[in-house]
Amino acid sequence: MITISKIVALSLAVIYTAIAVAMAGPAAIPGMLILLVPPLGLIWFADELSEFTGYVGKGGTIDQSSPEFLIAAFGWLVLFGLPIYLFYAS
């Protein structure tokens, strides 16, 4: 189901990409995709990711599902924290 949160996240990603293209040209698009796809995935697919349990490699297992609001909140933290980090890193 498409929610307001998902629409706002996608709109924010488009705005970030438009600003990057305006500042650096079309060459900035691949880099922005690399930076924006993971937090968008966490926001858009939090309900599916929250149900993941099982073997994760090197002897690790996840035995409980995660609250989906925490997964989405981490996606929002990265999506909002990204421009702040880039501003101070430059």
PDB file of N, CA and C in Angstrom:
ATOM      1  N   MET A   1       0.845  -1.171   0.000  1.00  0.00           N
ATOM      2  CA  MET A   1       0.000   0.000   0.000  1.00  0.00           C
ATOM      3  C   MET A   1       0.895   1.241   0.000  1.00  0.00           C
ATOM      4  N   ILE A   2       0.560   2.196  -0.823  1.00  0.00           N
ATOM      5  CA  ILE A   2       1.315   3.439  -0.891  1.00  0.00           C
ATOM      6  C   ILE A   2       0.763   4.400   0.161  1.00  0.00           C
ATOM      7  N   THR A   3       1.667   4.850   1.021  1.00  0.00           N
ATOM      8  CA  THR A   3       1.278   5.759   2.103  1.00  0.00           C
ATOM      9  C   THR A   3       1.872   7.138   1.852  1.00  0.00           C
ATOM     10  N   ILE A   4       1.452   8.090   2.653  1.00  0.00           N
ATOM     11  CA  ILE A   4       1.986   9.443   2.552  1.00  0.00           C
ATOM     12  C   ILE A   4       3.484   9.430   2.846  1.00  0.00           C
ATOM     13  N   SER A   5       3.909   8.616   3.794  1.00  0.00           N
ATOM     14  CA  SER A   5       5.322   8.511   4.140  1.00  0.00           C
ATOM     15  C   SER A   5       6.154   8.082   2.936  1.00  0.00           C
ATOM     16  N   LYS A   6       5.668   7.117   2.185  1.00  0.00           N
ATOM     17  CA  LYS A   6       6.392   6.635   1.010  1.00  0.00           C
ATOM     18  C   LYS A   6       6.448   7.697  -0.082  1.00  0.00           C
ATOM     19  N   ILE A   7       5.363   8.420  -0.270  1.00  0.00           N
ATOM     20  CA  ILE A   7       5.330   9.483  -1.283  1.00  0.00           C
ATOM     21  C   ILE A   7       6.275  10.613  -0.899  1.00  0.00           C
ATOM     22  N   VAL A   8       6.280  10.989   0.368  1.00  0.00           N
ATOM     23  CA  VAL A   8       7.171  12.056   0.837  1.00  0.00           C
ATOM     24  C   VAL A   8       8.633  11.622   0.683  1.00  0.00           C
ATOM     25  N   ALA A   9       8.943  10.385   1.010  1.00  0.00           N
ATOM     26  CA  ALA A   9      10.313   9.890   0.884  1.00  0.00           C
ATOM     27  C   ALA A   9      10.770   9.926  -0.571  1.00  0.00           C
ATOM     28  N   LEU A  10       9.931   9.476  -1.469  1.00  0.00           N
ATOM     29  CA  LEU A  10      10.281   9.494  -2.890  1.00  0.00           C
ATOM     30  C   LEU A  10      10.417  10.928  -3.392  1.00  0.00           C
ATOM     31  N   SER A  11       9.536  11.813  -2.964  1.00  0.00           N
ATOM     32  CA  SER A  11       9.612  13.227  -3.364  1.00  0.00           C
ATOM     33  C   SER A  11      10.902  13.856  -2.868  1.00  0.00           C
ATOM     34  N   LEU A  12      11.278  13.544  -1.644  1.00  0.00           N
ATOM     35  CA  LEU A  12      12.511  14.079  -1.084  1.00  0.00           C
ATOM     36  C   LEU A  12      13.724  13.570  -1.862  1.00  0.00           C
ATOM     37  N   ALA A  13      13.704  12.306  -2.246  1.00  0.00           N
ATOM     38  CA  ALA A  13      14.803  11.743  -3.036  1.00  0.00           C
ATOM     39  C   ALA A  13      14.891  12.419  -4.400  1.00  0.00           C
ATOM     40  N   VAL A  14      13.757  12.698  -5.009  1.00  0.00           N
ATOM     41  CA  VAL A  14      13.755  13.390  -6.306  1.00  0.00           C
ATOM     42  C   VAL A  14      14.303  14.808  -6.146  1.00  0.00           C
ATOM     43  N   ILE A  15      13.927  15.478  -5.072  1.00  0.00           N
ATOM     44  CA  ILE A  15      14.432  16.835  -4.816  1.00  0.00           C
ATOM     45  C   ILE A  15      15.945  16.801  -4.608  1.00  0.00           C
ATOM     46  N   TYR A  16      16.438  15.847  -3.811  1.00  0.00           N
ATOM     47  CA  TYR A  16      17.878  15.719  -3.599  1.00  0.00           C
ATOM     48  C   TYR A  16      18.604  15.508  -4.932  1.00  0.00           C
ATOM     49  N   THR A  17      18.042  14.645  -5.770  1.00  0.00           N
ATOM     50  CA  THR A  17      18.673  14.359  -7.057  1.00  0.00           C
ATOM     51  C   THR A  17      18.649  15.585  -7.955  1.00  0.00           C
ATOM     52  N   ALA A  18      17.555  16.320  -7.967  1.00  0.00           N
ATOM     53  CA  ALA A  18      17.472  17.530  -8.783  1.00  0.00           C
ATOM     54  C   ALA A  18      18.492  18.570  -8.330  1.00  0.00           C
ATOM     55  N   ILE A  19      18.666  18.716  -7.032  1.00  0.00           N
ATOM     56  CA  ILE A  19      19.660  19.661  -6.512  1.00  0.00           C
ATOM     57  C   ILE A  19      21.066  19.217  -6.912  1.00  0.00           C
ATOM     58  N   ALA A  20      21.348  17.929  -6.799  1.00  0.00           N
ATOM     59  CA  ALA A  20      22.671  17.420  -7.175  1.00  0.00           C
ATOM     60  C   ALA A  20      22.939  17.624  -8.661  1.00  0.00           C
ATOM     61  N   VAL A  21      21.923  17.405  -9.502  1.00  0.00           N
ATOM     62  CA  VAL A  21      22.087  17.608 -10.943  1.00  0.00           C
ATOM     63  C   VAL A  21      22.297  19.088 -11.240  1.00  0.00           C
ATOM     64  N   ALA A  22      21.588  19.955 -10.537  1.00  0.00           N
ATOM     65  CA  ALA A  22      21.762  21.390 -10.746  1.00  0.00           C
ATOM     66  C   ALA A  22      23.160  21.853 -10.335  1.00  0.00           C
ATOM     67  N   MET A  23      23.729  21.218  -9.316  1.00  0.00           N
ATOM     68  CA  MET A  23      25.037  21.633  -8.832  1.00  0.00           C
ATOM     69  C   MET A  23      26.192  20.973  -9.588  1.00  0.00           C
ATOM     70  N   ALA A  24      26.034  19.705  -9.974  1.00  0.00           N
ATOM     71  CA  ALA A  24      27.149  18.958 -10.549  1.00  0.00           C
ATOM     72  C   ALA A  24      26.874  18.410 -11.944  1.00  0.00           C
ATOM     73  N   GLY A  25      25.673  18.584 -12.451  1.00  0.00           N
ATOM     74  CA  GLY A  25      25.345  18.067 -13.773  1.00  0.00           C
ATOM     75  C   GLY A  25      24.820  16.640 -13.706  1.00  0.00           C
ATOM     76  N   PRO A  26      24.473  16.098 -14.872  1.00  0.00           N
ATOM     77  CA  PRO A  26      23.893  14.749 -14.926  1.00  0.00           C
ATOM     78  C   PRO A  26      24.813  13.639 -14.413  1.00  0.00           C
ATOM     79  N   ALA A  27      26.087  13.900 -14.315  1.00  0.00           N
ATOM     80  CA  ALA A  27      27.010  12.884 -13.808  1.00  0.00           C
ATOM     81  C   ALA A  27      26.737  12.547 -12.345  1.00  0.00           C
ATOM     82  N   ALA A  28      25.959  13.373 -11.652  1.00  0.00           N
ATOM     83  CA  ALA A  28      25.656  13.133 -10.238  1.00  0.00           C
ATOM     84  C   ALA A  28      24.554  12.090 -10.046  1.00  0.00           C
ATOM     85  N   ILE A  29      23.834  11.748 -11.076  1.00  0.00           N
ATOM     86  CA  ILE A  29      22.684  10.836 -10.935  1.00  0.00           C
ATOM     87  C   ILE A  29      23.097   9.458 -10.420  1.00  0.00           C
ATOM     88  N   PRO A  30      24.111   8.785 -10.992  1.00  0.00           N
ATOM     89  CA  PRO A  30      24.461   7.454 -10.450  1.00  0.00           C
ATOM     90  C   PRO A  30      24.857   7.497  -8.973  1.00  0.00           C
ATOM     91  N   GLY A  31      25.618   8.501  -8.587  1.00  0.00           N
ATOM     92  CA  GLY A  31      26.011   8.609  -7.183  1.00  0.00           C
ATOM     93  C   GLY A  31      24.822   8.824  -6.271  1.00  0.00           C
ATOM     94  N   MET A  32      23.881   9.630  -6.709  1.00  0.00           N
ATOM     95  CA  MET A  32      22.678   9.861  -5.899  1.00  0.00           C
ATOM     96  C   MET A  32      21.847   8.586  -5.787  1.00  0.00           C
ATOM     97  N   LEU A  33      21.787   7.815  -6.866  1.00  0.00           N
ATOM     98  CA  LEU A  33      21.046   6.549  -6.796  1.00  0.00           C
ATOM     99  C   LEU A  33      21.685   5.610  -5.772  1.00  0.00           C
ATOM    100  N   ILE A  34      23.008   5.562  -5.770  1.00  0.00           N
ATOM    101  CA  ILE A  34      23.702   4.701  -4.811  1.00  0.00           C
ATOM    102  C   ILE A  34      23.406   5.147  -3.381  1.00  0.00           C
ATOM    103  N   LEU A  35      23.339   6.444  -3.164  1.00  0.00           N
ATOM    104  CA  LEU A  35      23.093   6.961  -1.821  1.00  0.00           C
ATOM    105  C   LEU A  35      21.627   6.877  -1.398  1.00  0.00           C
ATOM    106  N   LEU A  36      20.708   6.984  -2.337  1.00  0.00           N
ATOM    107  CA  LEU A  36      19.294   7.097  -1.976  1.00  0.00           C
ATOM    108  C   LEU A  36      18.501   5.794  -2.027  1.00  0.00           C
ATOM    109  N   VAL A  37      18.951   4.826  -2.781  1.00  0.00           N
ATOM    110  CA  VAL A  37      18.174   3.578  -2.892  1.00  0.00           C
ATOM    111  C   VAL A  37      18.083   2.822  -1.558  1.00  0.00           C
ATOM    112  N   PRO A  38      19.173   2.677  -0.784  1.00  0.00           N
ATOM    113  CA  PRO A  38      19.030   1.944   0.491  1.00  0.00           C
ATOM    114  C   PRO A  38      18.019   2.557   1.471  1.00  0.00           C
ATOM    115  N   PRO A  39      18.067   3.888   1.763  1.00  0.00           N
ATOM    116  CA  PRO A  39      17.050   4.398   2.690  1.00  0.00           C
ATOM    117  C   PRO A  39      15.640   4.333   2.118  1.00  0.00           C
ATOM    118  N   LEU A  40      15.498   4.528   0.803  1.00  0.00           N
ATOM    119  CA  LEU A  40      14.166   4.390   0.207  1.00  0.00           C
ATOM    120  C   LEU A  40      13.671   2.956   0.332  1.00  0.00           C
ATOM    121  N   GLY A  41      14.573   1.995   0.172  1.00  0.00           N
ATOM    122  CA  GLY A  41      14.189   0.591   0.344  1.00  0.00           C
ATOM    123  C   GLY A  41      13.741   0.297   1.766  1.00  0.00           C
ATOM    124  N   LEU A  42      14.432   0.872   2.736  1.00  0.00           N
ATOM    125  CA  LEU A  42      14.035   0.665   4.134  1.00  0.00           C
ATOM    126  C   LEU A  42      12.673   1.284   4.422  1.00  0.00           C
ATOM    127  N   ILE A  43      12.391   2.434   3.838  1.00  0.00           N
ATOM    128  CA  ILE A  43      11.106   3.098   4.066  1.00  0.00           C
ATOM    129  C   ILE A  43       9.989   2.391   3.310  1.00  0.00           C
ATOM    130  N   TRP A  44      10.223   2.069   2.048  1.00  0.00           N
ATOM    131  CA  TRP A  44       9.175   1.491   1.221  1.00  0.00           C
ATOM    132  C   TRP A  44       8.871   0.035   1.564  1.00  0.00           C
ATOM    133  N   PHE A  45       9.876  -0.706   2.011  1.00  0.00           N
ATOM    134  CA  PHE A  45       9.682  -2.139   2.250  1.00  0.00           C
ATOM    135  C   PHE A  45       9.906  -2.526   3.710  1.00  0.00           C
ATOM    136  N   ALA A  46       9.604  -1.628   4.627  1.00  0.00           N
ATOM    137  CA  ALA A  46       9.803  -1.901   6.052  1.00  0.00           C
ATOM    138  C   ALA A  46       8.972  -3.088   6.528  1.00  0.00           C
ATOM    139  N   ASP A  47       7.746  -3.217   6.033  1.00  0.00           N
ATOM    140  CA  ASP A  47       6.906  -4.332   6.483  1.00  0.00           C
ATOM    141  C   ASP A  47       7.461  -5.680   6.026  1.00  0.00           C
ATOM    142  N   GLU A  48       7.986  -5.753   4.806  1.00  0.00           N
ATOM    143  CA  GLU A  48       8.574  -7.006   4.329  1.00  0.00           C
ATOM    144  C   GLU A  48       9.890  -7.307   5.054  1.00  0.00           C
ATOM    145  N   LEU A  49      10.706  -6.279   5.260  1.00  0.00           N
ATOM    146  CA  LEU A  49      11.991  -6.476   5.935  1.00  0.00           C
ATOM    147  C   LEU A  49      11.811  -6.827   7.406  1.00  0.00           C
ATOM    148  N   SER A  50      10.741  -6.362   8.026  1.00  0.00           N
ATOM    149  CA  SER A  50      10.526  -6.648   9.448  1.00  0.00           C
ATOM    150  C   SER A  50      10.242  -8.121   9.697  1.00  0.00           C
ATOM    151  N   GLU A  51       9.771  -8.824   8.693  1.00  0.00           N
ATOM    152  CA  GLU A  51       9.420 -10.240   8.852  1.00  0.00           C
ATOM    153  C   GLU A  51      10.595 -11.179   8.620  1.00  0.00           C
ATOM    154  N   PHE A  52      11.747 -10.629   8.220  1.00  0.00           N
ATOM    155  CA  PHE A  52      12.897 -11.476   7.922  1.00  0.00           C
ATOM    156  C   PHE A  52      13.444 -12.122   9.189  1.00  0.00           C
ATOM    157  N   THR A  53      13.542 -13.424   9.176  1.00  0.00           N
ATOM    158  CA  THR A  53      14.188 -14.186  10.241  1.00  0.00           C
ATOM    159  C   THR A  53      14.957 -15.321   9.583  1.00  0.00           C
ATOM    160  N   GLY A  54      15.896 -15.854  10.318  1.00  0.00           N
ATOM    161  CA  GLY A  54      16.638 -17.000   9.801  1.00  0.00           C
ATOM    162  C   GLY A  54      18.134 -16.775   9.810  1.00  0.00           C
ATOM    163  N   TYR A  55      18.808 -17.603   9.064  1.00  0.00           N
ATOM    164  CA  TYR A  55      20.266 -17.611   9.000  1.00  0.00           C
ATOM    165  C   TYR A  55      20.744 -16.407   8.189  1.00  0.00           C
ATOM    166  N   VAL A  56      21.737 -15.676   8.706  1.00  0.00           N
ATOM    167  CA  VAL A  56      22.261 -14.507   8.011  1.00  0.00           C
ATOM    168  C   VAL A  56      23.743 -14.633   7.668  1.00  0.00           C
ATOM    169  N   GLY A  57      24.341 -15.741   7.915  1.00  0.00           N
ATOM    170  CA  GLY A  57      25.733 -15.951   7.539  1.00  0.00           C
ATOM    171  C   GLY A  57      26.673 -15.889   8.729  1.00  0.00           C
ATOM    172  N   LYS A  58      27.801 -16.587   8.585  1.00  0.00           N
ATOM    173  CA  LYS A  58      28.845 -16.647   9.612  1.00  0.00           C
ATOM    174  C   LYS A  58      28.290 -17.039  10.976  1.00  0.00           C
ATOM    175  N   GLY A  59      27.336 -17.939  10.985  1.00  0.00           N
ATOM    176  CA  GLY A  59      26.801 -18.461  12.237  1.00  0.00           C
ATOM    177  C   GLY A  59      25.747 -17.604  12.894  1.00  0.00           C
ATOM    178  N   GLY A  60      25.345 -16.513  12.272  1.00  0.00           N
ATOM    179  CA  GLY A  60      24.349 -15.634  12.868  1.00  0.00           C
ATOM    180  C   GLY A  60      22.935 -15.984  12.432  1.00  0.00           C
ATOM    181  N   THR A  61      22.014 -15.832  13.340  1.00  0.00           N
ATOM    182  CA  THR A  61      20.608 -16.036  13.014  1.00  0.00           C
ATOM    183  C   THR A  61      19.780 -14.906  13.618  1.00  0.00           C
ATOM    184  N   ILE A  62      18.692 -14.610  12.977  1.00  0.00           N
ATOM    185  CA  ILE A  62      17.712 -13.662  13.504  1.00  0.00           C
ATOM    186  C   ILE A  62      16.513 -14.491  13.909  1.00  0.00           C
ATOM    187  N   ASP A  63      16.182 -14.488  15.193  1.00  0.00           N
ATOM    188  CA  ASP A  63      15.109 -15.351  15.666  1.00  0.00           C
ATOM    189  C   ASP A  63      13.821 -14.606  15.984  1.00  0.00           C
ATOM    190  N   GLN A  64      13.834 -13.275  15.900  1.00  0.00           N
ATOM    191  CA  GLN A  64      12.611 -12.502  16.126  1.00  0.00           C
ATOM    192  C   GLN A  64      12.461 -11.477  15.013  1.00  0.00           C
ATOM    193  N   SER A  65      11.221 -11.189  14.667  1.00  0.00           N
ATOM    194  CA  SER A  65      10.999 -10.145  13.674  1.00  0.00           C
ATOM    195  C   SER A  65      11.236  -8.780  14.311  1.00  0.00           C
ATOM    196  N   SER A  66      11.620  -7.823  13.491  1.00  0.00           N
ATOM    197  CA  SER A  66      11.903  -6.471  13.967  1.00  0.00           C
ATOM    198  C   SER A  66      10.659  -5.609  13.810  1.00  0.00           C
ATOM    199  N   PRO A  67      10.471  -4.625  14.671  1.00  0.00           N
ATOM    200  CA  PRO A  67       9.344  -3.715  14.498  1.00  0.00           C
ATOM    201  C   PRO A  67       9.528  -2.897  13.212  1.00  0.00           C
ATOM    202  N   GLU A  68       8.513  -2.876  12.376  1.00  0.00           N
ATOM    203  CA  GLU A  68       8.663  -2.208  11.084  1.00  0.00           C
ATOM    204  C   GLU A  68       8.857  -0.704  11.227  1.00  0.00           C
ATOM    205  N   PHE A  69       8.332  -0.103  12.313  1.00  0.00           N
ATOM    206  CA  PHE A  69       8.537   1.337  12.466  1.00  0.00           C
ATOM    207  C   PHE A  69      10.004   1.663  12.727  1.00  0.00           C
ATOM    208  N   LEU A  70      10.758   0.742  13.349  1.00  0.00           N
ATOM    209  CA  LEU A  70      12.182   0.981  13.566  1.00  0.00           C
ATOM    210  C   LEU A  70      12.962   0.907  12.260  1.00  0.00           C
ATOM    211  N   ILE A  71      12.579  -0.002  11.385  1.00  0.00           N
ATOM    212  CA  ILE A  71      13.243  -0.115  10.092  1.00  0.00           C
ATOM    213  C   ILE A  71      12.983   1.139   9.264  1.00  0.00           C
ATOM    214  N   ALA A  72      11.735   1.579   9.232  1.00  0.00           N
ATOM    215  CA  ALA A  72      11.398   2.792   8.497  1.00  0.00           C
ATOM    216  C   ALA A  72      12.056   4.014   9.128  1.00  0.00           C
ATOM    217  N   ALA A  73      12.124   4.057  10.449  1.00  0.00           N
ATOM    218  CA  ALA A  73      12.752   5.189  11.134  1.00  0.00           C
ATOM    219  C   ALA A  73      14.242   5.275  10.789  1.00  0.00           C
ATOM    220  N   PHE A  74      14.903   4.144  10.683  1.00  0.00           N
ATOM    221  CA  PHE A  74      16.309   4.161  10.284  1.00  0.00           C
ATOM    222  C   PHE A  74      16.455   4.675   8.849  1.00  0.00           C
ATOM    223  N   GLY A  75      15.536   4.274   7.971  1.00  0.00           N
ATOM    224  CA  GLY A  75      15.546   4.793   6.608  1.00  0.00           C
ATOM    225  C   GLY A  75      15.376   6.300   6.580  1.00  0.00           C
ATOM    226  N   TRP A  76      14.455   6.818   7.399  1.00  0.00           N
ATOM    227  CA  TRP A  76      14.254   8.267   7.477  1.00  0.00           C
ATOM    228  C   TRP A  76      15.481   8.960   8.059  1.00  0.00           C
ATOM    229  N   LEU A  77      16.109   8.346   9.048  1.00  0.00           N
ATOM    230  CA  LEU A  77      17.317   8.931   9.636  1.00  0.00           C
ATOM    231  C   LEU A  77      18.413   9.076   8.581  1.00  0.00           C
ATOM    232  N   VAL A  78      18.598   8.053   7.773  1.00  0.00           N
ATOM    233  CA  VAL A  78      19.606   8.119   6.715  1.00  0.00           C
ATOM    234  C   VAL A  78      19.195   9.137   5.652  1.00  0.00           C
ATOM    235  N   LEU A  79      17.919   9.158   5.290  1.00  0.00           N
ATOM    236  CA  LEU A  79      17.451  10.075   4.250  1.00  0.00           C
ATOM    237  C   LEU A  79      17.589  11.527   4.686  1.00  0.00           C
ATOM    238  N   PHE A  80      17.324  11.839   5.948  1.00  0.00           N
ATOM    239  CA  PHE A  80      17.496  13.203   6.443  1.00  0.00           C
ATOM    240  C   PHE A  80      18.942  13.494   6.826  1.00  0.00           C
ATOM    241  N   GLY A  81      19.649  12.488   7.299  1.00  0.00           N
ATOM    242  CA  GLY A  81      21.030  12.697   7.714  1.00  0.00           C
ATOM    243  C   GLY A  81      22.003  12.830   6.566  1.00  0.00           C
ATOM    244  N   LEU A  82      21.659  12.300   5.412  1.00  0.00           N
ATOM    245  CA  LEU A  82      22.537  12.347   4.251  1.00  0.00           C
ATOM    246  C   LEU A  82      22.894  13.766   3.832  1.00  0.00           C
ATOM    247  N   PRO A  83      21.947  14.665   3.628  1.00  0.00           N
ATOM    248  CA  PRO A  83      22.344  16.016   3.223  1.00  0.00           C
ATOM    249  C   PRO A  83      23.095  16.772   4.319  1.00  0.00           C
ATOM    250  N   ILE A  84      22.767  16.492   5.559  1.00  0.00           N
ATOM    251  CA  ILE A  84      23.475  17.145   6.661  1.00  0.00           C
ATOM    252  C   ILE A  84      24.932  16.691   6.674  1.00  0.00           C
ATOM    253  N   TYR A  85      25.141  15.393   6.522  1.00  0.00           N
ATOM    254  CA  TYR A  85      26.493  14.876   6.470  1.00  0.00           C
ATOM    255  C   TYR A  85      27.259  15.447   5.283  1.00  0.00           C
ATOM    256  N   LEU A  86      26.648  15.431   4.098  1.00  0.00           N
ATOM    257  CA  LEU A  86      27.318  15.943   2.908  1.00  0.00           C
ATOM    258  C   LEU A  86      27.630  17.428   3.025  1.00  0.00           C
ATOM    259  N   PHE A  87      26.773  18.179   3.697  1.00  0.00           N
ATOM    260  CA  PHE A  87      27.013  19.606   3.875  1.00  0.00           C
ATOM    261  C   PHE A  87      28.244  19.840   4.747  1.00  0.00           C
ATOM    262  N   TYR A  88      28.339  19.107   5.854  1.00  0.00           N
ATOM    263  CA  TYR A  88      29.465  19.302   6.748  1.00  0.00           C
ATOM    264  C   TYR A  88      30.738  18.630   6.262  1.00  0.00           C
ATOM    265  N   ALA A  89      30.620  17.618   5.407  1.00  0.00           N
ATOM    266  CA  ALA A  89      31.801  16.928   4.890  1.00  0.00           C
ATOM    267  C   ALA A  89      32.486  17.719   3.780  1.00  0.00           C
ATOM    268  N   SER A  90      31.764  18.624   3.164  1.00  0.00           N
ATOM    269  CA  SER A  90      32.361  19.367   2.040  1.00  0.00           C
ATOM    270  C   SER A  90      33.057  20.616   2.439  1.00  0.00           C
TER     271      SER A  90
END
